[in-house]
Amino acid sequence: MPKFLIQATYTSEGTKGLLKEGASGRRAAVDQVVTDLGGTVESVYFAFGEDDIVLIIDLPDPVSMAAVSLTVKASGALHTRATPLLTVEEIDEAARRQVPFRAPSV
């Protein structure tokens, strides 16, 4: 199952919601969204600095991740970045594939 790193920053409205319902309330909301799409939440961490929350989640496919991303961004409560995570084995497989490519000539 594809794994994704999610990094997010709360807007002022999102931060007000976090203060109101607490971190455990937000974790429950994340769990609900991800499990409803057939995925699992590996980890959730709250932070301060550039990102307010960092998650690692598994979802059945990239389309599911796109659906979550669009819905969350439409709420206006968070600014998010999703990064697909690849295993060592997946990169080894990619390295073995032949790719017909010609670099631009200078």
C-alpha atoms as a PDB file:
ATOM      1  CA  MET A   1       0.000   0.000   0.000  1.00  0.00           C
ATOM      2  CA  PRO A   2       1.470   3.403  -0.924  1.00  0.00           C
ATOM      3  CA  LYS A   3       2.845   5.417   1.986  1.00  0.00           C
ATOM      4  CA  PHE A   4       2.726   9.212   2.192  1.00  0.00           C
ATOM      5  CA  LEU A   5       4.403  11.851   4.312  1.00  0.00           C
ATOM      6  CA  ILE A   6       1.969  14.683   5.071  1.00  0.00           C
ATOM      7  CA  GLN A   7       3.267  18.013   6.344  1.00  0.00           C
ATOM      8  CA  ALA A   8       0.715  20.646   7.250  1.00  0.00           C
ATOM      9  CA  THR A   9       0.415  24.117   8.669  1.00  0.00           C
ATOM     10  CA  TYR A  10      -2.770  25.286  10.343  1.00  0.00           C
ATOM     11  CA  THR A  11      -4.381  28.547   9.254  1.00  0.00           C
ATOM     12  CA  SER A  12      -5.585  30.827  12.048  1.00  0.00           C
ATOM     13  CA  GLU A  13      -9.051  29.257  11.786  1.00  0.00           C
ATOM     14  CA  GLY A  14      -7.559  25.772  11.867  1.00  0.00           C
ATOM     15  CA  THR A  15      -5.515  26.668  14.937  1.00  0.00           C
ATOM     16  CA  LYS A  16      -8.661  27.896  16.696  1.00  0.00           C
ATOM     17  CA  GLY A  17     -10.264  24.522  15.970  1.00  0.00           C
ATOM     18  CA  LEU A  18      -7.216  22.687  17.305  1.00  0.00           C
ATOM     19  CA  LEU A  19      -7.284  24.743  20.496  1.00  0.00           C
ATOM     20  CA  LYS A  20     -10.996  23.990  20.903  1.00  0.00           C
ATOM     21  CA  GLU A  21     -10.938  20.211  20.368  1.00  0.00           C
ATOM     22  CA  GLY A  22      -7.339  19.362  21.241  1.00  0.00           C
ATOM     23  CA  ALA A  23      -4.755  17.201  19.530  1.00  0.00           C
ATOM     24  CA  SER A  24      -6.598  13.969  20.325  1.00  0.00           C
ATOM     25  CA  GLY A  25      -9.675  15.301  18.534  1.00  0.00           C
ATOM     26  CA  ARG A  26      -7.633  16.060  15.426  1.00  0.00           C
ATOM     27  CA  ARG A  27      -5.959  12.625  15.587  1.00  0.00           C
ATOM     28  CA  ALA A  28      -9.407  11.001  15.718  1.00  0.00           C
ATOM     29  CA  ALA A  29     -10.498  13.028  12.672  1.00  0.00           C
ATOM     30  CA  VAL A  30      -7.400  11.949  10.727  1.00  0.00           C
ATOM     31  CA  ASP A  31      -7.941   8.305  11.706  1.00  0.00           C
ATOM     32  CA  GLN A  32     -11.542   8.467  10.527  1.00  0.00           C
ATOM     33  CA  VAL A  33     -10.697   9.933   7.113  1.00  0.00           C
ATOM     34  CA  VAL A  34      -7.838   7.535   6.431  1.00  0.00           C
ATOM     35  CA  THR A  35      -9.584   4.364   7.626  1.00  0.00           C
ATOM     36  CA  ASP A  36     -12.765   5.245   5.709  1.00  0.00           C
ATOM     37  CA  LEU A  37     -10.628   5.201   2.545  1.00  0.00           C
ATOM     38  CA  GLY A  38      -9.130   1.812   3.430  1.00  0.00           C
ATOM     39  CA  GLY A  39      -5.843   3.146   4.780  1.00  0.00           C
ATOM     40  CA  THR A  40      -3.965   3.273   8.056  1.00  0.00           C
ATOM     41  CA  VAL A  41      -2.266   5.999  10.058  1.00  0.00           C
ATOM     42  CA  GLU A  42       1.297   5.026  10.936  1.00  0.00           C
ATOM     43  CA  SER A  43       2.173   8.112  12.971  1.00  0.00           C
ATOM     44  CA  VAL A  44       1.021  11.619  13.853  1.00  0.00           C
ATOM     45  CA  TYR A  45       3.267  14.248  15.387  1.00  0.00           C
ATOM     46  CA  PHE A  46       2.520  17.840  16.273  1.00  0.00           C
ATOM     47  CA  ALA A  47       5.381  20.293  15.861  1.00  0.00           C
ATOM     48  CA  PHE A  48       6.155  23.966  15.830  1.00  0.00           C
ATOM     49  CA  GLY A  49       8.100  25.862  13.241  1.00  0.00           C
ATOM     50  CA  GLU A  50       7.358  25.556   9.535  1.00  0.00           C
ATOM     51  CA  ASP A  51       4.996  22.595  10.048  1.00  0.00           C
ATOM     52  CA  ASP A  52       2.343  22.209  12.737  1.00  0.00           C
ATOM     53  CA  ILE A  53       1.574  18.548  12.124  1.00  0.00           C
ATOM     54  CA  VAL A  54       3.462  15.720  10.416  1.00  0.00           C
ATOM     55  CA  LEU A  55       1.859  12.395   9.513  1.00  0.00           C
ATOM     56  CA  ILE A  56       2.824   9.158   7.838  1.00  0.00           C
ATOM     57  CA  ILE A  57      -0.166   7.377   6.347  1.00  0.00           C
ATOM     58  CA  ASP A  58      -0.864   4.417   4.083  1.00  0.00           C
ATOM     59  CA  LEU A  59      -3.605   4.736   1.485  1.00  0.00           C
ATOM     60  CA  PRO A  60      -4.699   2.244  -1.180  1.00  0.00           C
ATOM     61  CA  ASP A  61      -3.673   4.455  -4.117  1.00  0.00           C
ATOM     62  CA  PRO A  62      -2.594   7.968  -5.156  1.00  0.00           C
ATOM     63  CA  VAL A  63      -6.178   8.851  -6.144  1.00  0.00           C
ATOM     64  CA  SER A  64      -7.242   8.369  -2.511  1.00  0.00           C
ATOM     65  CA  MET A  65      -4.418  10.684  -1.431  1.00  0.00           C
ATOM     66  CA  ALA A  66      -5.514  13.265  -3.982  1.00  0.00           C
ATOM     67  CA  ALA A  67      -9.106  13.069  -2.713  1.00  0.00           C
ATOM     68  CA  VAL A  68      -7.967  13.667   0.873  1.00  0.00           C
ATOM     69  CA  SER A  69      -5.689  16.508  -0.192  1.00  0.00           C
ATOM     70  CA  LEU A  70      -8.406  18.287  -2.173  1.00  0.00           C
ATOM     71  CA  THR A  71     -10.951  17.954   0.627  1.00  0.00           C
ATOM     72  CA  VAL A  72      -8.579  19.143   3.353  1.00  0.00           C
ATOM     73  CA  LYS A  73      -7.322  22.086   1.304  1.00  0.00           C
ATOM     74  CA  ALA A  74     -10.887  23.108   0.408  1.00  0.00           C
ATOM     75  CA  SER A  75     -11.660  23.409   4.123  1.00  0.00           C
ATOM     76  CA  GLY A  76      -9.248  26.325   4.405  1.00  0.00           C
ATOM     77  CA  ALA A  77      -8.075  25.068   7.815  1.00  0.00           C
ATOM     78  CA  LEU A  78      -4.707  23.726   6.651  1.00  0.00           C
ATOM     79  CA  HIS A  79      -2.017  24.188   4.060  1.00  0.00           C
ATOM     80  CA  THR A  80      -0.659  20.718   3.233  1.00  0.00           C
ATOM     81  CA  ARG A  81       2.114  18.972   1.331  1.00  0.00           C
ATOM     82  CA  ALA A  82       1.944  15.275   0.503  1.00  0.00           C
ATOM     83  CA  THR A  83       5.088  13.387  -0.434  1.00  0.00           C
ATOM     84  CA  PRO A  84       4.965   9.800  -1.706  1.00  0.00           C
ATOM     85  CA  LEU A  85       7.397   7.611   0.235  1.00  0.00           C
ATOM     86  CA  LEU A  86       9.216   4.777  -1.516  1.00  0.00           C
ATOM     87  CA  THR A  87      10.880   1.756   0.044  1.00  0.00           C
ATOM     88  CA  VAL A  88      14.475   0.736  -0.565  1.00  0.00           C
ATOM     89  CA  GLU A  89      13.171  -2.158  -2.667  1.00  0.00           C
ATOM     90  CA  GLU A  90      11.068   0.169  -4.823  1.00  0.00           C
ATOM     91  CA  ILE A  91      14.076   2.380  -5.542  1.00  0.00           C
ATOM     92  CA  ASP A  92      16.168  -0.707  -6.338  1.00  0.00           C
ATOM     93  CA  GLU A  93      13.486  -1.752  -8.847  1.00  0.00           C
ATOM     94  CA  ALA A  94      13.435   1.739 -10.357  1.00  0.00           C
ATOM     95  CA  ALA A  95      17.220   1.702 -10.685  1.00  0.00           C
ATOM     96  CA  ARG A  96      17.064  -1.555 -12.670  1.00  0.00           C
ATOM     97  CA  ARG A  97      14.507  -0.281 -15.200  1.00  0.00           C
ATOM     98  CA  GLN A  98      15.786   0.821 -18.555  1.00  0.00           C
ATOM     99  CA  VAL A  99      14.636   4.326 -19.461  1.00  0.00           C
ATOM    100  CA  PRO A 100      15.209   5.613 -22.998  1.00  0.00           C
ATOM    101  CA  PHE A 101      16.432   9.147 -22.394  1.00  0.00           C
ATOM    102  CA  ARG A 102      18.693  11.495 -24.268  1.00  0.00           C
ATOM    103  CA  ALA A 103      20.006  14.517 -22.400  1.00  0.00           C
ATOM    104  CA  PRO A 104      19.721  17.864 -24.199  1.00  0.00           C
ATOM    105  CA  SER A 105      22.859  18.768 -26.088  1.00  0.00           C
ATOM    106  CA  VAL A 106      24.676  21.921 -25.195  1.00  0.00           C
END
